[in-house]
Amino acid sequence: MNETTPVAVAQVPPPRKRPAADGDGAPRRGGGARPAPARRLVELLRSQGVLAVLLAVVITASFVYPTFATLDNARGVTVQASFLAVVALGMTLVIISGGIDLSVGSVFALGGVLAAWASQWGILPALLVPLLVGGAIGLLNGFLIARAAMAPFIVTLATLLAARGLLLAVTDEGATTYLVPKGSAFAELGQGSVWGFGHPVLIALVLFGAGGLLLQRTSFGQTLFAVGGSGDAATLMGLPVARTKLLVYTLSGLLAGLAGALNAARLSSGVTIVGVGMELDAISAVVIGGTLLVGGAGSVSGTLWGVLLLAVIQNLINQIGSLNSSYQSVVSGGFLIVVVVAQRYLARGRRAG
């Protein structure tokens, strides 16, 4: 009888128990993580919580102040908000990429002056000149930040001062005010309306629709989120990090110049004192709308609600009458602090969940 060599039998470890799962089938770490509905609620509060606040403020103000809930007042609020909205749209893209743009207020003012100056030759020069100059400033910002690896805060602070200096040079230290010809097509662009709502409002809505599609339906949008989440990881994935940053800063400059041109058409002149502190209002609207200052997360719809919330607050201050308009800054700052603290809490909750 032949002997057979004994075969070593591997010891198979007993099967491990699977962790408890959420309602959507995702495993739950330690059995105590946040269930799927709670995670979705957290995401909803982070992205659209400002909409709930806006609706609550509007409903309350409509009962307290009868003149607030009128169509004329709604038209006025939306027109005033449309210029900040266009600037904040560009700021949203920049902040999602993990950057910041402090130059938009000065570019907004410079764009308005250049548009009023060029309007004597027609609507096309009045639009193209501020777009070209604003886009060039944004391109410079993007080049220095993306290619020269300079800090966004320093670069855009420098172009803020440069754009304001160029504005003063063009207007002889503010002594010259360029006027938009009355009855011109350019003036109609800022002062005309469709269905009772001004052209700037409709332009802002179209731009926000395009911005939403850009973020959610294109590869550029997905790359933008990846760059903002982690530039190093995006580079290792082979994504065009430098080109993406270059494009978002250029878009920010273009939109700031366009907003300045629309404001000049609305006012029929290139006012030199506008835009001071506008970059802070834009950042506030973006952050209040749920976009994370660290980058990598955000939405254009949240920015739109944030802009409208700031505009409604300003309008309510005007409705009260006894309060100075500077109280808007106090309220906006309070909202900003609350939102940033809430963002930190929600982000910590997401990591824990």
Protein backbone atom coordinates (compact mmCIF):
# COMPACT_ATOMS: atom_id res chain seq x y z
CA MET A 1 0.00 0.00 0.00
CA ASN A 2 1.37 3.33 -1.00
CA GLU A 3 1.66 5.93 1.65
CA THR A 4 0.09 9.24 0.92
CA THR A 5 1.73 12.43 2.05
CA PRO A 6 -0.50 14.26 4.49
CA VAL A 7 -1.73 17.59 3.17
CA ALA A 8 -1.77 20.53 5.52
CA VAL A 9 -5.23 21.93 5.84
CA ALA A 10 -5.38 25.71 6.06
CA GLN A 11 -7.32 27.01 8.96
CA VAL A 12 -10.19 29.11 7.59
CA PRO A 13 -11.06 31.98 9.88
CA PRO A 14 -14.67 32.20 10.92
CA PRO A 15 -16.73 34.67 8.86
CA ARG A 16 -16.85 38.15 10.25
CA LYS A 17 -20.14 39.76 11.04
CA ARG A 18 -21.08 42.47 8.59
CA PRO A 19 -21.62 45.88 10.12
CA ALA A 20 -25.09 47.19 10.35
CA ALA A 21 -26.26 48.81 7.13
CA ASP A 22 -28.12 52.01 6.50
CA GLY A 23 -31.41 52.16 4.74
CA ASP A 24 -29.67 52.45 1.35
CA GLY A 25 -27.55 49.37 1.95
CA ALA A 26 -24.33 51.21 2.79
CA PRO A 27 -22.46 49.68 5.73
CA ARG A 28 -22.56 51.63 8.92
CA ARG A 29 -19.26 51.86 10.79
CA GLY A 30 -19.53 50.56 14.32
CA GLY A 31 -23.28 50.29 13.99
CA GLY A 32 -23.67 53.85 15.24
CA ALA A 33 -23.04 56.03 12.19
CA ARG A 34 -25.63 58.41 10.89
CA PRO A 35 -28.35 56.66 8.83
CA ALA A 36 -28.87 57.56 5.18
CA PRO A 37 -31.86 59.90 5.72
CA ALA A 38 -29.88 61.88 8.29
CA ARG A 39 -26.91 62.16 5.93
CA ARG A 40 -29.19 63.42 3.18
CA LEU A 41 -30.70 65.93 5.60
CA VAL A 42 -27.23 67.18 6.50
CA GLU A 43 -26.37 67.59 2.81
CA LEU A 44 -29.66 69.40 2.19
CA LEU A 45 -29.09 71.79 5.08
CA ARG A 46 -25.57 72.53 3.89
CA SER A 47 -26.55 73.20 0.28
CA GLN A 48 -30.09 74.60 0.49
CA GLY A 49 -30.55 75.67 4.11
CA VAL A 50 -30.23 79.32 3.06
CA LEU A 51 -33.33 78.90 0.89
CA ALA A 52 -35.37 77.94 3.96
CA VAL A 53 -34.03 81.00 5.80
CA LEU A 54 -34.83 83.22 2.81
CA LEU A 55 -38.40 81.92 2.60
CA ALA A 56 -38.90 82.39 6.35
CA VAL A 57 -37.63 85.98 6.19
CA VAL A 58 -39.79 86.80 3.15
CA ILE A 59 -42.96 85.30 4.67
CA THR A 60 -42.42 87.07 8.00
CA ALA A 61 -41.65 90.41 6.34
CA SER A 62 -44.75 90.09 4.15
CA PHE A 63 -46.95 89.98 7.25
CA VAL A 64 -45.10 92.70 9.15
CA TYR A 65 -44.64 95.21 6.30
CA PRO A 66 -47.51 95.40 3.77
CA THR A 67 -45.37 97.32 1.28
CA PHE A 68 -42.81 94.52 1.20
CA ALA A 69 -45.03 91.93 -0.49
CA THR A 70 -45.70 94.02 -3.60
CA LEU A 71 -44.68 93.39 -7.18
CA ASP A 72 -42.96 96.77 -7.47
CA ASN A 73 -40.85 96.05 -4.41
CA ALA A 74 -39.94 92.59 -5.75
CA ARG A 75 -38.84 94.17 -9.02
CA GLY A 76 -36.67 96.68 -7.20
CA VAL A 77 -35.06 94.05 -4.97
CA THR A 78 -34.25 91.71 -7.85
CA VAL A 79 -32.76 94.45 -10.03
CA GLN A 80 -30.52 95.67 -7.22
CA ALA A 81 -29.47 92.09 -6.48
CA SER A 82 -28.74 91.18 -10.10
CA PHE A 83 -25.40 93.04 -10.29
CA LEU A 84 -24.04 91.41 -7.14
CA ALA A 85 -25.40 88.08 -8.37
CA VAL A 86 -23.34 88.22 -11.57
CA VAL A 87 -20.19 89.04 -9.59
CA ALA A 88 -20.96 86.34 -7.00
CA LEU A 89 -21.38 83.74 -9.75
CA GLY A 90 -17.76 84.19 -10.75
CA MET A 91 -16.73 84.21 -7.09
CA THR A 92 -18.52 80.87 -6.61
CA LEU A 93 -16.38 79.21 -9.26
CA VAL A 94 -13.21 80.69 -7.77
CA ILE A 95 -14.01 79.58 -4.21
CA ILE A 96 -15.01 76.08 -5.35
CA SER A 97 -11.54 75.85 -6.92
CA GLY A 98 -10.04 76.64 -3.51
CA GLY A 99 -9.13 80.27 -4.28
CA ILE A 100 -10.37 83.78 -3.61
CA ASP A 101 -10.76 86.89 -5.79
CA LEU A 102 -10.55 90.25 -4.03
CA SER A 103 -10.32 92.25 -7.25
CA VAL A 104 -13.95 91.93 -8.38
CA GLY A 105 -15.17 95.12 -6.70
CA SER A 106 -12.58 97.27 -8.45
CA VAL A 107 -13.09 95.45 -11.76
CA PHE A 108 -16.84 96.06 -11.38
CA ALA A 109 -16.31 99.80 -10.96
CA LEU A 110 -13.72 99.96 -13.75
CA GLY A 111 -16.01 98.02 -16.08
CA GLY A 112 -18.82 100.50 -15.47
CA VAL A 113 -16.62 103.51 -16.27
CA LEU A 114 -15.20 101.90 -19.42
CA ALA A 115 -18.68 100.87 -20.58
CA ALA A 116 -20.03 104.41 -20.13
CA TRP A 117 -17.01 105.83 -21.98
CA ALA A 118 -17.35 103.38 -24.87
CA SER A 119 -21.15 103.68 -25.11
CA GLN A 120 -20.80 106.76 -27.34
CA TRP A 121 -19.78 104.34 -30.13
CA GLY A 122 -22.66 101.92 -29.59
CA ILE A 123 -23.71 98.92 -27.54
CA LEU A 124 -21.04 96.51 -28.81
CA PRO A 125 -18.05 98.65 -27.71
CA ALA A 126 -19.85 99.38 -24.44
CA LEU A 127 -19.96 95.66 -23.71
CA LEU A 128 -16.74 94.48 -25.32
CA VAL A 129 -14.37 97.00 -23.69
CA PRO A 130 -15.24 96.14 -20.05
CA LEU A 131 -15.33 92.43 -20.92
CA LEU A 132 -11.88 92.55 -22.48
CA VAL A 133 -10.36 94.56 -19.64
CA GLY A 134 -12.07 92.51 -16.93
CA GLY A 135 -11.10 89.27 -18.65
CA ALA A 136 -7.49 90.47 -18.99
CA ILE A 137 -7.31 91.25 -15.26
CA GLY A 138 -8.80 87.84 -14.47
CA LEU A 139 -6.35 86.17 -16.83
CA LEU A 140 -3.47 87.93 -15.09
CA ASN A 141 -4.78 86.73 -11.73
CA GLY A 142 -5.08 83.19 -13.01
CA PHE A 143 -1.63 83.17 -14.58
CA LEU A 144 0.11 84.41 -11.44
CA ILE A 145 -1.83 81.99 -9.22
CA ALA A 146 -1.81 78.90 -11.45
CA ARG A 147 1.52 79.23 -13.25
CA ALA A 148 3.64 81.27 -10.84
CA ALA A 149 2.16 79.54 -7.75
CA MET A 150 1.50 82.84 -5.96
CA ALA A 151 -1.05 83.16 -3.16
CA PRO A 152 -4.54 84.13 -4.44
CA PHE A 153 -5.01 86.62 -1.60
CA ILE A 154 -1.85 88.56 -2.47
CA VAL A 155 -2.36 88.47 -6.24
CA THR A 156 -5.98 89.60 -6.22
CA LEU A 157 -5.29 92.24 -3.57
CA ALA A 158 -2.65 93.68 -5.90
CA THR A 159 -5.01 93.70 -8.89
CA LEU A 160 -7.71 95.25 -6.70
CA LEU A 161 -5.41 98.22 -6.13
CA ALA A 162 -4.26 98.27 -9.75
CA ALA A 163 -7.80 98.26 -11.15
CA ARG A 164 -8.86 101.04 -8.78
CA GLY A 165 -5.79 103.04 -9.79
CA LEU A 166 -6.60 102.56 -13.47
CA LEU A 167 -10.14 103.72 -12.75
CA LEU A 168 -8.84 106.94 -11.18
CA ALA A 169 -6.47 107.49 -14.09
CA VAL A 170 -9.26 107.12 -16.66
CA THR A 171 -11.55 109.53 -14.78
CA ASP A 172 -8.92 112.17 -13.87
CA GLU A 173 -8.97 111.22 -10.18
CA GLY A 174 -12.76 110.92 -10.28
CA ALA A 175 -13.32 114.43 -11.68
CA THR A 176 -14.72 113.13 -15.00
CA THR A 177 -17.99 111.20 -15.17
CA TYR A 178 -18.84 109.55 -18.48
CA LEU A 179 -22.53 109.52 -19.38
CA VAL A 180 -24.46 106.92 -21.36
CA PRO A 181 -26.41 108.48 -24.28
CA LYS A 182 -30.10 108.67 -23.46
CA GLY A 183 -32.32 106.38 -25.48
CA SER A 184 -29.37 104.31 -26.72
CA ALA A 185 -29.53 100.53 -27.04
CA PHE A 186 -27.01 100.23 -24.24
CA ALA A 187 -29.17 102.29 -21.88
CA GLU A 188 -32.15 100.13 -22.80
CA LEU A 189 -30.13 97.04 -21.84
CA GLY A 190 -29.90 98.28 -18.26
CA GLN A 191 -33.22 100.08 -17.94
CA GLY A 192 -35.59 98.03 -20.09
CA SER A 193 -37.72 95.19 -18.81
CA VAL A 194 -39.53 92.03 -19.87
CA TRP A 195 -42.76 91.08 -18.07
CA GLY A 196 -42.01 93.87 -15.63
CA PHE A 197 -38.58 92.53 -14.61
CA GLY A 198 -35.45 94.36 -15.68
CA HIS A 199 -33.07 93.04 -18.31
CA PRO A 200 -30.23 92.69 -15.73
CA VAL A 201 -32.40 90.23 -13.77
CA LEU A 202 -33.03 88.09 -16.83
CA ILE A 203 -29.35 88.20 -17.81
CA ALA A 204 -28.35 87.11 -14.29
CA LEU A 205 -30.81 84.20 -14.37
CA VAL A 206 -29.50 83.03 -17.75
CA LEU A 207 -25.93 83.21 -16.48
CA PHE A 208 -26.81 81.25 -13.34
CA GLY A 209 -28.52 78.61 -15.46
CA ALA A 210 -25.40 78.31 -17.60
CA GLY A 211 -23.25 78.20 -14.47
CA GLY A 212 -25.31 75.36 -13.03
CA LEU A 213 -24.98 73.36 -16.24
CA LEU A 214 -21.25 74.07 -16.32
CA LEU A 215 -20.76 72.72 -12.80
CA GLN A 216 -23.06 69.71 -12.95
CA ARG A 217 -23.07 68.58 -16.58
CA THR A 218 -19.55 69.12 -17.89
CA SER A 219 -16.16 67.61 -17.29
CA PHE A 220 -14.86 71.08 -16.46
CA GLY A 221 -17.25 71.27 -13.52
CA GLN A 222 -16.18 67.91 -12.17
CA THR A 223 -12.54 68.90 -12.59
CA LEU A 224 -13.24 72.14 -10.72
CA PHE A 225 -14.63 70.24 -7.72
CA ALA A 226 -11.66 67.87 -7.78
CA VAL A 227 -9.16 70.74 -7.89
CA GLY A 228 -10.86 72.46 -4.98
CA GLY A 229 -11.02 69.24 -2.98
CA SER A 230 -7.32 68.49 -3.37
CA GLY A 231 -5.05 70.07 -5.95
CA ASP A 232 -2.31 67.48 -5.37
CA ALA A 233 -4.72 64.57 -5.84
CA ALA A 234 -6.14 66.20 -8.97
CA THR A 235 -2.62 66.53 -10.36
CA LEU A 236 -1.90 62.85 -9.68
CA MET A 237 -5.13 61.99 -11.50
CA GLY A 238 -3.84 63.83 -14.54
CA LEU A 239 -6.39 66.64 -14.38
CA PRO A 240 -5.49 70.08 -15.83
CA VAL A 241 -5.20 71.90 -12.51
CA ALA A 242 -3.36 75.00 -13.75
CA ARG A 243 -5.63 75.43 -16.77
CA THR A 244 -8.74 75.09 -14.61
CA LYS A 245 -7.58 77.80 -12.21
CA LEU A 246 -6.64 80.02 -15.13
CA LEU A 247 -10.14 79.67 -16.57
CA VAL A 248 -12.05 80.32 -13.35
CA TYR A 249 -10.17 83.54 -12.59
CA THR A 250 -10.67 84.69 -16.18
CA LEU A 251 -14.40 83.97 -15.89
CA SER A 252 -14.52 85.88 -12.61
CA GLY A 253 -12.95 88.93 -14.25
CA LEU A 254 -15.30 88.69 -17.25
CA LEU A 255 -18.40 88.49 -15.05
CA ALA A 256 -17.26 91.39 -12.85
CA GLY A 257 -16.68 93.52 -15.95
CA LEU A 258 -20.08 92.55 -17.36
CA ALA A 259 -21.83 93.39 -14.07
CA GLY A 260 -20.14 96.81 -14.08
CA ALA A 261 -21.30 97.43 -17.63
CA LEU A 262 -24.90 96.51 -16.76
CA ASN A 263 -24.77 98.79 -13.71
CA ALA A 264 -23.53 101.68 -15.86
CA ALA A 265 -26.37 101.09 -18.31
CA ARG A 266 -28.82 101.10 -15.42
CA LEU A 267 -27.44 104.35 -13.92
CA SER A 268 -26.75 105.97 -17.33
CA SER A 269 -23.25 106.87 -16.15
CA GLY A 270 -19.93 105.43 -15.08
CA VAL A 271 -19.98 106.08 -11.34
CA THR A 272 -16.51 105.94 -9.82
CA ILE A 273 -17.42 105.28 -6.19
CA VAL A 274 -19.32 101.99 -6.71
CA GLY A 275 -17.89 98.56 -5.99
CA VAL A 276 -16.14 99.47 -2.73
CA GLY A 277 -16.41 96.37 -0.54
CA MET A 278 -18.34 94.48 -3.20
CA GLU A 279 -15.85 91.63 -3.07
CA LEU A 280 -16.78 91.08 0.59
CA ASP A 281 -20.49 91.08 -0.25
CA ALA A 282 -19.86 88.53 -2.99
CA ILE A 283 -17.84 86.29 -0.67
CA SER A 284 -20.56 86.57 1.99
CA ALA A 285 -23.28 85.59 -0.48
CA VAL A 286 -21.26 82.62 -1.72
CA VAL A 287 -20.44 81.31 1.76
CA ILE A 288 -23.96 81.94 3.08
CA GLY A 289 -25.18 79.95 0.06
CA GLY A 290 -23.31 76.87 1.29
CA THR A 291 -20.07 76.95 -0.71
CA LEU A 292 -17.17 75.90 1.47
CA LEU A 293 -14.36 78.43 1.81
CA VAL A 294 -11.81 75.61 1.68
CA GLY A 295 -13.07 74.65 -1.78
CA GLY A 296 -14.31 71.44 -3.31
CA ALA A 297 -18.04 71.90 -2.59
CA GLY A 298 -20.69 74.41 -3.51
CA SER A 299 -23.51 75.31 -5.89
CA VAL A 300 -24.60 78.29 -7.93
CA SER A 301 -28.19 77.93 -6.72
CA GLY A 302 -27.04 78.41 -3.12
CA THR A 303 -25.17 81.54 -4.16
CA LEU A 304 -28.32 82.90 -5.80
CA TRP A 305 -30.30 82.39 -2.59
CA GLY A 306 -27.48 84.01 -0.60
CA VAL A 307 -27.53 87.09 -2.84
CA LEU A 308 -31.31 87.38 -2.54
CA LEU A 309 -31.12 86.99 1.24
CA LEU A 310 -28.67 89.89 1.50
CA ALA A 311 -30.85 91.98 -0.82
CA VAL A 312 -33.97 91.23 1.22
CA ILE A 313 -32.16 92.20 4.43
CA GLN A 314 -31.16 95.53 2.88
CA ASN A 315 -34.73 96.10 1.71
CA LEU A 316 -36.11 95.33 5.17
CA ILE A 317 -33.72 97.86 6.68
CA ASN A 318 -35.11 100.40 4.23
CA GLN A 319 -38.65 99.33 5.15
CA ILE A 320 -37.97 99.92 8.84
CA GLY A 321 -36.75 103.42 8.07
CA SER A 322 -35.31 104.16 11.51
CA LEU A 323 -32.20 102.03 10.91
CA ASN A 324 -29.13 103.13 9.01
CA SER A 325 -28.18 101.11 5.92
CA SER A 326 -24.88 100.24 7.61
CA TYR A 327 -26.84 97.80 9.75
CA GLN A 328 -26.88 95.55 6.70
CA SER A 329 -23.18 94.92 7.25
CA VAL A 330 -23.86 93.98 10.87
CA VAL A 331 -26.62 91.54 9.90
CA SER A 332 -24.61 90.13 6.98
CA GLY A 333 -21.62 89.59 9.26
CA GLY A 334 -23.81 87.83 11.79
CA PHE A 335 -25.25 85.56 9.11
CA LEU A 336 -21.75 84.81 7.85
CA ILE A 337 -20.49 83.80 11.29
CA VAL A 338 -23.48 81.53 11.86
CA VAL A 339 -23.10 79.90 8.45
CA VAL A 340 -19.35 79.29 8.81
CA VAL A 341 -19.87 77.72 12.25
CA ALA A 342 -22.68 75.57 10.84
CA GLN A 343 -20.48 74.51 7.93
CA ARG A 344 -17.76 73.36 10.31
CA TYR A 345 -20.29 71.38 12.34
CA LEU A 346 -21.85 69.78 9.25
CA ALA A 347 -18.43 68.96 7.79
CA ARG A 348 -17.43 67.31 11.08
CA GLY A 349 -20.69 65.37 11.02
CA ARG A 350 -20.03 64.18 7.48
CA ARG A 351 -16.59 62.88 8.44
CA ALA A 352 -18.01 61.14 11.49
CA GLY A 353 -20.79 59.61 9.39
